Amino acid sequence: MTSAWHGTVGSRIPAAVVIDGEPWSWAWDVTTVLGYANGRDVLAALPERMRNTVAMPDGNRGNPNWAIVSESGV
């Protein structure tokens, strides 16, 4: 269960989310900061307990699902 959002990137997207007391970050942010060229490969290599997806519908067309990585997955 999502319990809190923290910070913002741009004007509308939260920078991190707390799920069941554990902080999670956007996978795109993590892979970009760490310098990985292909974030999908990095996510696929992580155990399922360290990656997840959250829906962020913003009223725009397209996929509202965002990949997230747990703090231990970073």
N, C-alpha and C. Protein backbone atom coordinates (compact mmCIF):
# COMPACT_ATOMS: atom_id res chain seq x y z
N MET A 1 0.83 -1.17 0.00
CA MET A 1 0.00 0.00 0.00
C MET A 1 0.89 1.25 0.00
N THR A 2 0.55 2.21 -0.82
CA THR A 2 1.29 3.46 -0.88
C THR A 2 0.87 4.33 0.29
N SER A 3 1.87 4.80 1.05
CA SER A 3 1.52 5.58 2.22
C SER A 3 1.89 7.05 2.11
N ALA A 4 2.86 7.40 1.28
CA ALA A 4 3.26 8.81 1.21
C ALA A 4 4.07 9.07 -0.05
N TRP A 5 3.98 10.30 -0.53
CA TRP A 5 4.80 10.76 -1.65
C TRP A 5 5.77 11.79 -1.11
N HIS A 6 6.97 11.83 -1.64
CA HIS A 6 7.98 12.78 -1.17
C HIS A 6 8.63 13.50 -2.35
N GLY A 7 8.70 14.82 -2.27
CA GLY A 7 9.41 15.61 -3.26
C GLY A 7 8.72 15.64 -4.60
N THR A 8 9.28 16.41 -5.52
CA THR A 8 8.74 16.47 -6.87
C THR A 8 9.86 16.59 -7.87
N VAL A 9 9.62 16.07 -9.03
CA VAL A 9 10.50 16.25 -10.17
C VAL A 9 9.66 17.03 -11.18
N GLY A 10 10.13 18.15 -11.64
CA GLY A 10 9.29 18.98 -12.49
C GLY A 10 8.18 19.57 -11.65
N SER A 11 6.97 19.57 -12.17
CA SER A 11 5.89 20.19 -11.42
C SER A 11 4.87 19.21 -10.88
N ARG A 12 4.79 17.99 -11.45
CA ARG A 12 3.70 17.11 -11.05
C ARG A 12 4.12 15.70 -10.68
N ILE A 13 5.34 15.30 -10.90
CA ILE A 13 5.73 13.92 -10.69
C ILE A 13 6.50 13.79 -9.38
N PRO A 14 6.06 12.94 -8.45
CA PRO A 14 6.79 12.77 -7.21
C PRO A 14 8.15 12.12 -7.44
N ALA A 15 9.16 12.50 -6.65
CA ALA A 15 10.51 11.98 -6.81
C ALA A 15 10.67 10.61 -6.17
N ALA A 16 9.87 10.30 -5.18
CA ALA A 16 9.96 9.01 -4.50
C ALA A 16 8.62 8.70 -3.86
N VAL A 17 8.44 7.43 -3.55
CA VAL A 17 7.21 6.99 -2.91
C VAL A 17 7.60 6.05 -1.78
N VAL A 18 6.81 6.04 -0.70
CA VAL A 18 7.02 5.11 0.40
C VAL A 18 5.92 4.08 0.35
N ILE A 19 6.29 2.83 0.22
CA ILE A 19 5.34 1.72 0.16
C ILE A 19 5.65 0.80 1.34
N ASP A 20 4.67 0.62 2.21
CA ASP A 20 4.84 -0.22 3.40
C ASP A 20 6.09 0.15 4.18
N GLY A 21 6.36 1.44 4.30
CA GLY A 21 7.48 1.92 5.09
C GLY A 21 8.83 1.89 4.40
N GLU A 22 8.87 1.45 3.14
CA GLU A 22 10.14 1.36 2.41
C GLU A 22 10.16 2.39 1.28
N PRO A 23 11.25 3.17 1.16
CA PRO A 23 11.33 4.16 0.09
C PRO A 23 11.64 3.51 -1.27
N TRP A 24 10.96 3.99 -2.30
CA TRP A 24 11.16 3.53 -3.67
C TRP A 24 11.43 4.75 -4.54
N SER A 25 12.30 4.60 -5.53
CA SER A 25 12.63 5.68 -6.46
C SER A 25 12.24 5.29 -7.87
N TRP A 26 12.06 6.29 -8.72
CA TRP A 26 11.73 6.03 -10.12
C TRP A 26 12.91 5.34 -10.79
N ALA A 27 12.66 4.26 -11.47
CA ALA A 27 13.72 3.48 -12.11
C ALA A 27 14.48 4.33 -13.13
N TRP A 28 13.79 5.19 -13.85
CA TRP A 28 14.45 6.03 -14.85
C TRP A 28 15.48 6.93 -14.18
N ASP A 29 15.12 7.54 -13.04
CA ASP A 29 16.05 8.40 -12.31
C ASP A 29 17.28 7.62 -11.86
N VAL A 30 17.05 6.44 -11.28
CA VAL A 30 18.15 5.63 -10.75
C VAL A 30 19.10 5.20 -11.86
N THR A 31 18.56 4.67 -12.95
CA THR A 31 19.43 4.19 -14.02
C THR A 31 20.15 5.34 -14.72
N THR A 32 19.52 6.50 -14.83
CA THR A 32 20.16 7.66 -15.44
C THR A 32 21.30 8.18 -14.58
N VAL A 33 21.05 8.34 -13.29
CA VAL A 33 22.07 8.84 -12.38
C VAL A 33 23.26 7.89 -12.31
N LEU A 34 22.99 6.59 -12.35
CA LEU A 34 24.08 5.60 -12.28
C LEU A 34 24.76 5.38 -13.62
N GLY A 35 24.24 6.00 -14.68
CA GLY A 35 24.90 5.96 -15.99
C GLY A 35 24.64 4.74 -16.84
N TYR A 36 23.55 4.03 -16.59
CA TYR A 36 23.23 2.87 -17.41
C TYR A 36 22.55 3.31 -18.70
N ALA A 37 22.99 2.72 -19.81
CA ALA A 37 22.44 3.08 -21.11
C ALA A 37 21.07 2.41 -21.34
N ASN A 38 20.89 1.20 -20.84
CA ASN A 38 19.64 0.48 -21.06
C ASN A 38 19.01 0.11 -19.73
N GLY A 39 18.12 0.95 -19.26
CA GLY A 39 17.47 0.75 -17.98
C GLY A 39 16.62 -0.50 -17.91
N ARG A 40 16.04 -0.92 -19.03
CA ARG A 40 15.21 -2.13 -19.03
C ARG A 40 16.03 -3.36 -18.68
N ASP A 41 17.25 -3.43 -19.20
CA ASP A 41 18.12 -4.57 -18.87
C ASP A 41 18.48 -4.58 -17.39
N VAL A 42 18.72 -3.40 -16.85
CA VAL A 42 19.05 -3.29 -15.42
C VAL A 42 17.87 -3.76 -14.59
N LEU A 43 16.67 -3.31 -14.92
CA LEU A 43 15.48 -3.72 -14.17
C LEU A 43 15.23 -5.21 -14.28
N ALA A 44 15.44 -5.77 -15.45
CA ALA A 44 15.21 -7.20 -15.65
C ALA A 44 16.17 -8.02 -14.80
N ALA A 45 17.36 -7.49 -14.52
CA ALA A 45 18.35 -8.22 -13.74
C ALA A 45 18.06 -8.18 -12.23
N LEU A 46 17.23 -7.23 -11.79
CA LEU A 46 16.90 -7.13 -10.37
C LEU A 46 15.86 -8.17 -9.97
N PRO A 47 15.97 -8.71 -8.75
CA PRO A 47 14.92 -9.61 -8.27
C PRO A 47 13.58 -8.86 -8.19
N GLU A 48 12.48 -9.58 -8.35
CA GLU A 48 11.16 -8.95 -8.34
C GLU A 48 10.88 -8.18 -7.06
N ARG A 49 11.45 -8.61 -5.94
CA ARG A 49 11.20 -7.92 -4.66
C ARG A 49 11.84 -6.54 -4.62
N MET A 50 12.75 -6.23 -5.57
CA MET A 50 13.43 -4.94 -5.61
C MET A 50 12.91 -4.01 -6.70
N ARG A 51 11.92 -4.47 -7.47
CA ARG A 51 11.34 -3.64 -8.53
C ARG A 51 9.83 -3.79 -8.51
N ASN A 52 9.16 -2.77 -8.98
CA ASN A 52 7.71 -2.78 -8.98
C ASN A 52 7.22 -1.76 -10.00
N THR A 53 5.93 -1.65 -10.12
CA THR A 53 5.32 -0.67 -11.03
C THR A 53 4.18 0.01 -10.29
N VAL A 54 4.07 1.32 -10.48
CA VAL A 54 2.94 2.07 -9.92
C VAL A 54 2.23 2.80 -11.05
N ALA A 55 0.93 2.95 -10.90
CA ALA A 55 0.14 3.67 -11.90
C ALA A 55 0.07 5.14 -11.52
N MET A 56 0.39 6.01 -12.47
CA MET A 56 0.36 7.46 -12.26
C MET A 56 -0.49 8.10 -13.36
N PRO A 57 -1.80 7.86 -13.36
CA PRO A 57 -2.62 8.46 -14.41
C PRO A 57 -2.66 9.98 -14.26
N ASP A 58 -2.33 10.67 -15.33
CA ASP A 58 -2.28 12.13 -15.26
C ASP A 58 -3.24 12.79 -16.24
N GLY A 59 -4.14 12.01 -16.81
CA GLY A 59 -5.10 12.56 -17.75
C GLY A 59 -4.63 12.56 -19.19
N ASN A 60 -3.36 12.26 -19.41
CA ASN A 60 -2.82 12.19 -20.77
C ASN A 60 -2.94 10.77 -21.31
N ARG A 61 -2.94 10.64 -22.61
CA ARG A 61 -2.98 9.33 -23.23
C ARG A 61 -1.64 8.64 -23.03
N GLY A 62 -1.67 7.34 -23.08
CA GLY A 62 -0.43 6.58 -22.95
C GLY A 62 -0.42 5.73 -21.69
N ASN A 63 0.67 5.05 -21.49
CA ASN A 63 0.83 4.13 -20.38
C ASN A 63 1.05 4.91 -19.08
N PRO A 64 0.16 4.75 -18.09
CA PRO A 64 0.33 5.47 -16.83
C PRO A 64 1.24 4.74 -15.83
N ASN A 65 1.79 3.59 -16.22
CA ASN A 65 2.59 2.79 -15.31
C ASN A 65 4.05 3.24 -15.31
N TRP A 66 4.63 3.38 -14.12
CA TRP A 66 6.01 3.80 -13.95
C TRP A 66 6.75 2.74 -13.17
N ALA A 67 7.94 2.39 -13.64
CA ALA A 67 8.78 1.42 -12.93
C ALA A 67 9.45 2.11 -11.75
N ILE A 68 9.51 1.38 -10.62
CA ILE A 68 10.17 1.90 -9.44
C ILE A 68 11.15 0.86 -8.91
N VAL A 69 12.16 1.34 -8.18
CA VAL A 69 13.19 0.47 -7.61
C VAL A 69 13.25 0.74 -6.11
N SER A 70 13.33 -0.33 -5.32
CA SER A 70 13.42 -0.17 -3.88
C SER A 70 14.79 0.38 -3.50
N GLU A 71 14.89 0.91 -2.30
CA GLU A 71 16.17 1.43 -1.83
C GLU A 71 17.22 0.33 -1.82
N SER A 72 16.84 -0.89 -1.45
CA SER A 72 17.80 -1.99 -1.45
C SER A 72 18.19 -2.40 -2.87
N GLY A 73 17.35 -2.09 -3.85
CA GLY A 73 17.66 -2.40 -5.25
C GLY A 73 18.64 -1.44 -5.88
N VAL A 74 18.83 -0.29 -5.25
CA VAL A 74 19.76 0.71 -5.77
C VAL A 74 21.15 0.27 -5.42
